[in-house]
Structures are given as C-alpha cells and as structure tokens.
C-alpha cells in the first residue's frame, strides 16, 4: 500500500509539473484560452491534482506521521487550497460591468457571454486618473459610483475593491475619453473562504514545523558542524547573491514610479520573500556544483546536509510568497489564481524543490551526487520563473 501511494503521489506530481510546463508554452503559442481548455481546466489535470493530494496524505499517515501535527497540518492545508480552487472553478462566477458616466446597471456580462443579474443597481458618477506629481505616469485609477436604491456613494480604485452582497468589483479598464469605466466582477462566496483557510493553516504549520520534535530538519541540524571558514564563505556568497537579486528586481522601482497595481502594502513582503528564497536556491545550486567536483564522499554528504538545512526555510518562504501573491492578486484583480505564466512557474519551482525535501521516501535523493545534480537542474526553474517568463512567455507579471 505504501509503495503504491508513493508512486501515485510523486508520479502524479511529476506529471502535474510537466503539464504546467507544457501549458505555459502552449499559452505563448496558442493563447490563454487554449491553455485553460486543454490543460488547466481539463478533467485529467484536476484528477492528477486529486490523486497527488489524496495518495500523499495516505502515504503520510501510513508512515506513522499522525502525531506530527504541523507536518500533517501542512498537507491538510494543501488539501484545503486544492478544495477551495475546485469550489471556485465549479461555483464561482466572474465577468465585467461597463458603465458610462450617469448610466445605471443592474446586471453584468459573465465571461461566458451570459448576463448575470445583480440584486442592486450601480451608477457611475465619474472616472478619474491620479498622476505622479510632475509626470503623466498614472498613480491610480478611480471610479466614483452610487449604489441603488440606497444612494450610497462608493469609490473603486486599484487595490481598493467594492464589496456588496457577495459580489466584488475591481477597477479593470476605462474609456479613452474618461467618461466610461470597466469593472471586473467576481462572485465566489465559498471558494475564496476555503482557500484562505488553507493559506492560514499552511502559514501556522510552516512556522510550527521548526519547533516540532523529531523532524528531518532537526536531524540534519544536529548532524552538521560547519567550520568558521566555510561559514564565512557561505555568508559572502549568500550576501552577494542577495544583493544581486535585490538589484535585478528592484531596479525599476528605485528609478521609476510604481504602476498603480503595485501600490500595495503587500508588495515588499511578497518581493522580499521571493528574493530571499531565490537567493537560497542559487546558493544551494552553487553548493551543488562544488559537491559534484569533490572526491571525498563524506564532504559531499556534509554539503548535502547543509543544503537540506537551508532548503527547508527557502521552500517555505517560496510557498508563503507565492500564496501571499495570490491574496494580493485577489485584492487587485478579483482572482487569486489566474494561471499567469509567472505564478505558474513559481508553483512549478515550489513543487520541484519539494521533491528534494522528501528524501526519506525517495531513495535517489539519499545519494549526495544525485542530490547535488538535482539542485543544479532545479535552479533552472528559478531562472525561467524570473528571466524566462519576462523574456519569452510574458503575462501579467512581465514587469517583475
């Protein structure tokens, strides 16, 4: 039973990674709708996720991990996140509402072309653009609306949504004459709640994991004794990589005003989390190169242990940053997951590196040479996430 669950869980996850990889390039060649219909929204793709989640949980419990609450909790959190995504897909509705100044509307157009009724009315009073002082670069887009029949005045702007009777309205676009506004509409009262519960549980369990007894992480920490010279070398390499990542990602934001959608308090938390984890992945790749060239097996094993110690917080930070980005996307665009190439490749990177943390189940990762080679190849997913998406695949995150 254990063997079957192991093959099902890791095999289906590998298939999910390959499917998402292919889908990002399919989107580039054939468009987003083709990628959604062929892969992301297909029954076989959802089935792969379900097989991975259920078989993984069975495998975890069959290995006697039920007493390790935070470890089990993390896997339950992923089940909740997947369940929330399924509920959103099956019951959630989205579309757009087009208003001209002075016009009223009691319905919106769904993404499938149907008309979605609203149990209240909305009138656009005005639309305006705020600019950075002394420039023509937009700082914010603002729609002033009145809710009917109450006559309540509300403002909709970037990162400032309007919520009413389970519906959420987001500033999406506008007419060039500034007399018309297009609002994105989302109605997903159940899926978002379930998904957010998964995010919260995951955060709590990731923090609690480092205080949990009997984990592989604590076992690795007890094994290694790092010399002063190696510590200094790791600190120097890590600092240089960190400074390089900060420069690459923040150079535009230092010298140019922020885009309206980026004006959020979540920006720096999200960005710093991603910078730190990507830096650690780069450091692990460098260690991997060194490890492959070492002749002494004991030295390779020692470097493997060091890599595993830093991979745990790196993978957890990547999960935190990715799902925090999902919360931010839900605030800004009305959808916490849109299968944009950047977010898809961040998820691919998360799944790829998660294999390295499951060496107890995957014997190949218990061999230092294979482990180091894997970490070098795995870093390609980080490079594609940052550089490849921007230069080749595009998408909503191509500015980052």
Protein backbone atom coordinates (compact mmCIF):
# COMPACT_ATOMS: atom_id res chain seq x y z
CA UNK A 1 0.00 0.00 0.00
CA UNK A 2 2.80 2.39 0.92
CA UNK A 3 4.66 1.65 -2.29
CA UNK A 4 1.55 2.23 -4.40
CA UNK A 5 0.79 5.54 -2.66
CA UNK A 6 4.39 6.66 -3.10
CA UNK A 7 4.35 6.02 -6.82
CA UNK A 8 0.91 7.61 -7.20
CA UNK A 9 1.72 10.76 -5.19
CA UNK A 10 5.16 11.57 -6.59
CA UNK A 11 4.35 10.28 -10.07
CA UNK A 12 1.21 12.41 -10.35
CA UNK A 13 3.09 15.46 -9.00
CA UNK A 14 5.78 14.95 -11.64
CA UNK A 15 3.02 14.72 -14.26
CA UNK A 16 1.48 17.96 -12.94
CA UNK A 17 4.84 19.72 -13.26
CA UNK A 18 5.27 18.54 -16.84
CA UNK A 19 1.69 19.52 -17.71
CA UNK A 20 2.09 23.03 -16.29
CA UNK A 21 5.41 23.46 -18.07
CA UNK A 22 3.84 22.49 -21.39
CA UNK A 23 0.81 24.70 -20.72
CA UNK A 24 2.90 27.86 -20.27
CA UNK A 25 4.47 27.37 -23.69
CA UNK A 26 1.11 26.38 -25.19
CA UNK A 27 -0.28 29.68 -23.91
CA UNK A 28 2.54 31.54 -25.62
CA UNK A 29 1.88 29.77 -28.95
CA UNK A 30 -1.91 29.39 -28.95
CA UNK A 31 -3.21 31.83 -26.34
CA UNK A 32 -4.51 31.69 -22.78
CA UNK A 33 -7.91 30.21 -23.67
CA UNK A 34 -6.30 27.22 -25.37
CA UNK A 35 -4.05 26.58 -22.34
CA UNK A 36 -7.04 26.82 -19.97
CA UNK A 37 -9.25 24.49 -22.01
CA UNK A 38 -6.54 21.97 -22.88
CA UNK A 39 -4.73 21.77 -19.54
CA UNK A 40 -5.63 23.92 -16.55
CA UNK A 41 -9.42 23.45 -16.62
CA UNK A 42 -9.37 19.91 -18.01
CA UNK A 43 -10.72 16.93 -16.07
CA UNK A 44 -7.47 14.95 -16.39
CA UNK A 45 -5.40 17.81 -14.92
CA UNK A 46 -7.74 18.15 -11.92
CA UNK A 47 -7.64 14.38 -11.50
CA UNK A 48 -3.83 14.47 -11.30
CA UNK A 49 -4.02 17.04 -8.52
CA UNK A 50 -6.59 14.93 -6.68
CA UNK A 51 -4.52 11.74 -6.97
CA UNK A 52 -1.40 13.56 -5.74
CA UNK A 53 -3.21 15.10 -2.77
CA UNK A 54 -5.10 12.01 -1.59
CA UNK A 55 -2.32 9.47 -2.13
CA UNK A 56 0.18 11.84 -0.50
CA UNK A 57 -2.00 12.16 2.61
CA UNK A 58 -2.49 8.38 2.81
CA UNK A 59 1.27 7.87 2.45
CA UNK A 60 1.95 10.40 5.20
CA UNK A 61 -0.42 8.73 7.66
CA UNK A 62 0.76 5.22 6.76
CA UNK A 63 4.30 6.23 7.73
CA UNK A 64 3.13 6.97 11.29
CA UNK A 65 3.30 10.75 10.95
CA UNK A 66 -0.11 11.39 12.52
CA UNK A 67 1.49 12.56 15.78
CA UNK A 68 3.47 15.26 13.99
CA UNK A 69 0.69 17.82 13.96
CA UNK A 70 2.43 20.55 11.96
CA UNK A 71 3.64 18.16 9.26
CA UNK A 72 0.14 16.72 8.86
CA UNK A 73 -1.31 20.23 9.06
CA UNK A 74 0.75 21.41 6.09
CA UNK A 75 -0.58 18.57 3.95
CA UNK A 76 -4.14 19.25 5.14
CA UNK A 77 -3.61 22.91 4.20
CA UNK A 78 -2.72 21.92 0.65
CA UNK A 79 -5.86 19.77 0.51
CA UNK A 80 -7.92 22.79 1.60
CA UNK A 81 -6.25 25.01 -1.00
CA UNK A 82 -6.98 22.49 -3.75
CA UNK A 83 -10.56 22.02 -2.49
CA UNK A 84 -11.08 25.79 -2.49
CA UNK A 85 -9.75 26.03 -6.03
CA UNK A 86 -12.15 23.29 -7.15
CA UNK A 87 -15.11 25.03 -5.49
CA UNK A 88 -14.13 28.29 -7.17
CA UNK A 89 -13.91 26.56 -10.53
CA UNK A 90 -17.30 24.86 -10.13
CA UNK A 91 -19.36 27.58 -8.42
CA UNK A 92 -17.52 30.88 -8.86
CA UNK A 93 -18.70 33.46 -11.40
CA UNK A 94 -16.78 36.31 -12.98
CA UNK A 95 -17.30 38.88 -15.69
CA UNK A 96 -17.28 42.61 -16.36
CA UNK A 97 -19.54 45.62 -15.90
CA UNK A 98 -19.30 48.50 -18.34
CA UNK A 99 -20.63 51.89 -17.23
CA UNK A 100 -20.70 55.32 -18.82
CA UNK A 101 -20.95 58.43 -16.65
CA UNK A 102 -24.53 58.86 -15.45
CA UNK A 103 -25.61 55.38 -16.59
CA UNK A 104 -27.13 52.77 -14.28
CA UNK A 105 -26.75 48.99 -14.45
CA UNK A 106 -28.44 46.06 -12.68
CA UNK A 107 -26.56 43.25 -14.45
CA UNK A 108 -23.11 42.37 -15.74
CA UNK A 109 -21.73 40.27 -18.58
CA UNK A 110 -20.26 36.93 -17.50
CA UNK A 111 -17.06 35.58 -19.04
CA UNK A 112 -19.11 33.02 -20.96
CA UNK A 113 -21.20 35.78 -22.59
CA UNK A 114 -24.30 35.28 -20.45
CA UNK A 115 -25.95 38.07 -18.47
CA UNK A 116 -25.55 37.92 -14.71
CA UNK A 117 -28.25 39.75 -12.71
CA UNK A 118 -27.35 41.90 -9.71
CA UNK A 119 -29.76 42.35 -6.78
CA UNK A 120 -28.85 46.04 -6.63
CA UNK A 121 -28.10 48.84 -9.06
CA UNK A 122 -24.92 50.83 -9.71
CA UNK A 123 -24.44 54.23 -11.35
CA UNK A 124 -21.13 55.72 -12.47
CA UNK A 125 -20.78 59.29 -11.27
CA UNK A 126 -17.26 59.91 -12.60
CA UNK A 127 -13.97 58.32 -13.58
CA UNK A 128 -10.56 59.92 -12.99
CA UNK A 129 -6.86 59.16 -13.15
CA UNK A 130 -4.40 60.28 -10.47
CA UNK A 131 -0.88 61.02 -11.75
CA UNK A 132 2.50 61.14 -10.06
CA UNK A 133 3.43 64.75 -9.38
CA UNK A 134 5.07 66.40 -12.37
CA UNK A 135 4.55 63.40 -14.66
CA UNK A 136 1.93 61.81 -16.88
CA UNK A 137 2.54 58.40 -15.33
CA UNK A 138 -0.68 57.03 -13.74
CA UNK A 139 -0.65 56.60 -9.98
CA UNK A 140 -4.21 55.32 -9.56
CA UNK A 141 -7.49 54.82 -11.45
CA UNK A 142 -10.65 55.81 -9.67
CA UNK A 143 -14.37 55.20 -10.32
CA UNK A 144 -16.92 57.06 -8.22
CA UNK A 145 -20.17 55.09 -8.12
CA UNK A 146 -23.54 55.22 -6.38
CA UNK A 147 -25.27 52.05 -5.18
CA UNK A 148 -29.01 51.93 -5.80
CA UNK A 149 -31.62 52.18 -4.41
CA UNK A 150 -29.80 53.14 -1.18
CA UNK A 151 -27.96 56.03 -2.83
CA UNK A 152 -24.72 55.02 -1.09
CA UNK A 153 -21.61 56.61 -2.61
CA UNK A 154 -18.54 54.37 -3.00
CA UNK A 155 -15.08 54.62 -4.60
CA UNK A 156 -13.45 51.83 -6.61
CA UNK A 157 -9.73 52.08 -7.35
CA UNK A 158 -6.66 49.88 -7.76
CA UNK A 159 -6.24 47.64 -4.69
CA UNK A 160 -9.45 49.16 -3.27
CA UNK A 161 -12.40 46.98 -4.20
CA UNK A 162 -16.12 47.35 -3.65
CA UNK A 163 -17.91 44.51 -1.87
CA UNK A 164 -21.69 44.19 -1.99
CA UNK A 165 -23.96 41.17 -1.32
CA UNK A 166 -21.25 38.63 -2.10
CA UNK A 167 -20.12 40.45 -5.27
CA UNK A 168 -16.74 42.16 -5.61
CA UNK A 169 -15.97 44.91 -8.10
CA UNK A 170 -12.46 45.84 -9.27
CA UNK A 171 -11.17 48.64 -11.44
CA UNK A 172 -10.16 46.93 -14.70
CA UNK A 173 -10.17 49.41 -17.61
CA UNK A 174 -11.61 52.69 -18.86
CA UNK A 175 -12.57 54.62 -22.00
CA UNK A 176 -10.05 56.98 -23.53
CA UNK A 177 -12.44 59.93 -23.11
CA UNK A 178 -12.52 59.19 -19.33
CA UNK A 179 -16.34 59.02 -19.42
CA UNK A 180 -16.57 55.24 -19.19
CA UNK A 181 -15.28 52.65 -16.74
CA UNK A 182 -14.97 48.86 -16.95
CA UNK A 183 -15.21 46.98 -13.67
CA UNK A 184 -14.23 43.34 -13.17
CA UNK A 185 -16.92 41.41 -11.30
CA UNK A 186 -16.35 38.36 -9.12
CA UNK A 187 -18.84 36.25 -7.17
CA UNK A 188 -17.19 33.40 -5.26
CA UNK A 189 -18.52 33.33 -1.67
CA UNK A 190 -17.32 29.79 -0.86
CA UNK A 191 -14.14 29.07 -2.79
CA UNK A 192 -12.20 32.07 -1.51
CA UNK A 193 -13.05 31.28 2.12
CA UNK A 194 -11.92 27.66 1.85
CA UNK A 195 -8.72 28.64 0.03
CA UNK A 196 -7.87 31.37 2.54
CA UNK A 197 -8.41 28.88 5.39
CA UNK A 198 -5.81 26.69 3.69
CA UNK A 199 -3.39 29.62 3.40
CA UNK A 200 -3.74 30.47 7.10
CA UNK A 201 -3.33 26.85 8.20
CA UNK A 202 -0.27 26.48 5.96
CA UNK A 203 1.37 29.59 7.44
CA UNK A 204 0.76 28.42 11.02
CA UNK A 205 2.08 24.92 10.31
CA UNK A 206 5.17 26.13 8.42
CA UNK A 207 6.16 28.24 11.43
CA UNK A 208 5.29 25.47 13.88
CA UNK A 209 7.28 22.91 11.88
CA UNK A 210 10.60 24.42 13.01
CA UNK A 211 9.59 23.87 16.65
CA UNK A 212 8.31 20.34 16.11
CA UNK A 213 10.30 17.44 17.55
CA UNK A 214 11.62 14.54 15.51
CA UNK A 215 11.67 16.24 12.10
CA UNK A 216 14.20 15.61 9.34
CA UNK A 217 15.15 19.29 9.59
CA UNK A 218 16.24 18.94 13.22
CA UNK A 219 18.04 15.70 12.38
CA UNK A 220 20.07 17.48 9.68
CA UNK A 221 20.83 20.40 12.02
CA UNK A 222 22.20 18.00 14.66
CA UNK A 223 24.49 16.31 12.13
CA UNK A 224 26.42 19.21 10.69
CA UNK A 225 29.26 21.16 12.23
CA UNK A 226 30.31 23.98 9.95
CA UNK A 227 33.86 25.32 10.15
CA UNK A 228 34.44 29.04 10.56
CA UNK A 229 35.96 29.33 7.08
CA UNK A 230 33.00 27.61 5.42
CA UNK A 231 30.57 29.81 7.36
CA UNK A 232 32.33 32.94 6.14
CA UNK A 233 32.35 31.64 2.57
CA UNK A 234 28.64 30.84 2.65
CA UNK A 235 27.82 34.25 4.16
CA UNK A 236 29.81 36.06 1.47
CA UNK A 237 28.29 34.09 -1.41
CA UNK A 238 24.80 34.45 0.06
CA UNK A 239 25.21 38.19 0.59
CA UNK A 240 26.44 38.73 -2.97
CA UNK A 241 23.58 36.71 -4.42
CA UNK A 242 21.07 38.55 -2.23
CA UNK A 243 22.37 41.95 -3.30
CA UNK A 244 22.29 40.85 -6.93
CA UNK A 245 18.67 39.69 -6.66
CA UNK A 246 17.63 42.90 -4.92
CA UNK A 247 19.20 44.91 -7.72
CA UNK A 248 17.63 42.85 -10.50
CA UNK A 249 14.12 43.01 -9.06
CA UNK A 250 14.06 46.47 -7.52
CA UNK A 251 15.99 48.48 -10.12
CA UNK A 252 12.80 49.68 -11.84
CA UNK A 253 11.10 50.58 -8.59
CA UNK A 254 14.05 52.63 -7.40
CA UNK A 255 14.27 54.78 -10.53
CA UNK A 256 10.66 54.72 -11.80
CA UNK A 257 7.27 55.38 -10.15
CA UNK A 258 5.27 52.28 -9.27
CA UNK A 259 2.48 51.02 -11.51
CA UNK A 260 -0.95 51.52 -9.89
CA UNK A 261 -1.44 47.81 -9.26
CA UNK A 262 1.87 47.67 -7.35
CA UNK A 263 0.82 50.32 -4.85
CA UNK A 264 0.03 47.84 -2.09
CA UNK A 265 1.47 47.19 1.39
CA UNK A 266 1.80 43.54 0.35
CA UNK A 267 4.37 44.44 -2.32
CA UNK A 268 7.51 44.42 -0.22
CA UNK A 269 6.51 41.39 1.86
CA UNK A 270 5.87 39.42 -1.33
CA UNK A 271 9.01 40.64 -3.11
CA UNK A 272 11.41 40.18 -0.17
CA UNK A 273 10.10 36.65 0.45
CA UNK A 274 10.71 35.71 -3.16
CA UNK A 275 14.14 37.37 -3.28
CA UNK A 276 15.36 35.53 -0.19
CA UNK A 277 14.15 32.10 -1.30
CA UNK A 278 15.54 32.55 -4.83
CA UNK A 279 18.86 33.60 -3.32
CA UNK A 280 18.98 30.47 -1.16
CA UNK A 281 18.16 28.31 -4.20
CA UNK A 282 21.07 29.95 -6.03
CA UNK A 283 23.33 29.26 -3.05
CA UNK A 284 22.24 25.61 -3.00
CA UNK A 285 22.98 25.35 -6.73
CA UNK A 286 26.50 26.72 -6.11
CA UNK A 287 26.97 24.20 -3.31
CA UNK A 288 25.76 21.53 -5.72
CA UNK A 289 28.44 22.43 -8.25
CA UNK A 290 31.10 22.23 -5.55
CA UNK A 291 29.65 18.96 -4.29
CA UNK A 292 29.86 17.31 -7.71
CA UNK A 293 33.57 18.11 -8.03
CA UNK A 294 34.56 16.89 -4.58
CA UNK A 295 36.17 13.47 -4.47
CA UNK A 296 35.53 12.67 -0.83
CA UNK A 297 32.07 11.17 -0.29
CA UNK A 298 32.00 12.44 3.29
CA UNK A 299 32.47 16.03 2.06
CA UNK A 300 29.65 15.62 -0.46
CA UNK A 301 27.38 14.28 2.29
CA UNK A 302 28.26 17.23 4.51
CA UNK A 303 27.39 19.72 1.77
CA UNK A 304 24.15 17.85 1.12
CA UNK A 305 23.20 18.24 4.78
CA UNK A 306 23.96 21.97 4.65
CA UNK A 307 21.84 22.34 1.54
CA UNK A 308 18.92 20.50 3.12
CA UNK A 309 19.08 22.69 6.23
CA UNK A 310 18.69 25.89 4.18
CA UNK A 311 16.23 24.37 1.69
CA UNK A 312 13.50 23.98 4.30
CA UNK A 313 13.14 27.72 5.07
CA UNK A 314 13.66 28.52 1.37
CA UNK A 315 10.83 26.27 0.19
CA UNK A 316 8.57 27.52 2.99
CA UNK A 317 9.35 31.13 2.05
CA UNK A 318 8.55 30.36 -1.58
CA UNK A 319 5.20 28.88 -0.53
CA UNK A 320 4.49 31.91 1.66
CA UNK A 321 5.46 34.40 -1.05
CA UNK A 322 3.50 32.57 -3.76
CA UNK A 323 0.29 32.33 -1.77
CA UNK A 324 0.65 35.88 -0.43
CA UNK A 325 0.86 36.90 -4.08
CA UNK A 326 -2.39 35.00 -4.63
CA UNK A 327 -4.08 37.03 -1.88
CA UNK A 328 -2.74 40.23 -3.42
CA UNK A 329 -4.00 39.16 -6.87
CA UNK A 330 -7.44 38.55 -5.41
CA UNK A 331 -7.45 42.07 -3.99
CA UNK A 332 -6.18 43.66 -7.20
CA UNK A 333 -7.72 41.59 -10.00
CA UNK A 334 -10.55 39.62 -8.37
CA UNK A 335 -8.92 36.22 -8.88
CA UNK A 336 -6.42 34.60 -6.53
CA UNK A 337 -5.12 32.30 -9.25
CA UNK A 338 -5.28 33.02 -12.99
CA UNK A 339 -2.60 30.61 -14.31
CA UNK A 340 -0.43 33.52 -15.39
CA UNK A 341 2.99 32.17 -16.55
CA UNK A 342 4.88 33.82 -13.67
CA UNK A 343 2.66 32.41 -10.93
CA UNK A 344 2.51 29.03 -12.68
CA UNK A 345 6.30 28.81 -12.83
CA UNK A 346 6.54 29.86 -9.17
CA UNK A 347 4.28 26.90 -8.38
CA UNK A 348 6.40 24.63 -10.61
CA UNK A 349 9.51 25.76 -8.70
CA UNK A 350 7.79 25.05 -5.38
CA UNK A 351 6.83 21.53 -6.46
CA UNK A 352 10.26 20.80 -7.96
CA UNK A 353 12.14 21.73 -4.78
CA UNK A 354 9.61 19.88 -2.60
CA UNK A 355 10.97 16.63 -4.06
CA UNK A 356 14.37 17.39 -2.50
CA UNK A 357 12.77 17.61 0.96
CA UNK A 358 11.25 14.13 0.70
CA UNK A 359 14.46 12.12 0.62
CA UNK A 360 13.10 9.74 3.26
CA UNK A 361 10.61 8.49 0.65
CA UNK A 362 12.70 8.94 -2.50
CA UNK A 363 15.88 6.85 -2.28
CA UNK A 364 17.63 8.63 -5.15
CA UNK A 365 17.81 11.81 -3.03
CA UNK A 366 19.70 9.94 -0.34
CA UNK A 367 22.71 9.80 -2.68
CA UNK A 368 24.71 13.06 -2.41
CA UNK A 369 25.83 13.11 -6.04
CA UNK A 370 22.26 12.79 -7.33
CA UNK A 371 21.01 15.34 -4.80
CA UNK A 372 23.58 17.96 -5.85
CA UNK A 373 22.91 17.37 -9.55
CA UNK A 374 19.18 17.72 -8.91
CA UNK A 375 19.65 21.06 -7.10
CA UNK A 376 21.65 22.42 -10.04
CA UNK A 377 18.98 21.37 -12.56
CA UNK A 378 16.17 22.54 -10.24
CA UNK A 379 17.63 26.06 -10.28
CA UNK A 380 16.67 26.25 -13.96
CA UNK A 381 13.05 26.56 -12.80
CA UNK A 382 14.02 29.66 -10.80
CA UNK A 383 15.78 31.17 -13.82
CA UNK A 384 12.74 30.52 -16.01
CA UNK A 385 10.41 31.96 -13.36
CA UNK A 386 12.27 35.26 -13.29
CA UNK A 387 14.08 35.65 -16.62
CA UNK A 388 12.30 33.19 -18.91
CA UNK A 389 8.80 34.45 -18.21
CA UNK A 390 9.83 38.08 -18.70
CA UNK A 391 11.81 37.49 -21.88
CA UNK A 392 9.82 34.71 -23.55
CA UNK A 393 6.45 33.84 -22.03
CA UNK A 394 5.14 37.27 -20.97
CA UNK A 395 1.91 37.66 -18.98
CA UNK A 396 0.62 39.98 -16.27
CA UNK A 397 3.87 39.68 -14.28
CA UNK A 398 6.24 40.51 -17.12
CA UNK A 399 7.08 43.81 -15.37
CA UNK A 400 8.57 41.93 -12.38
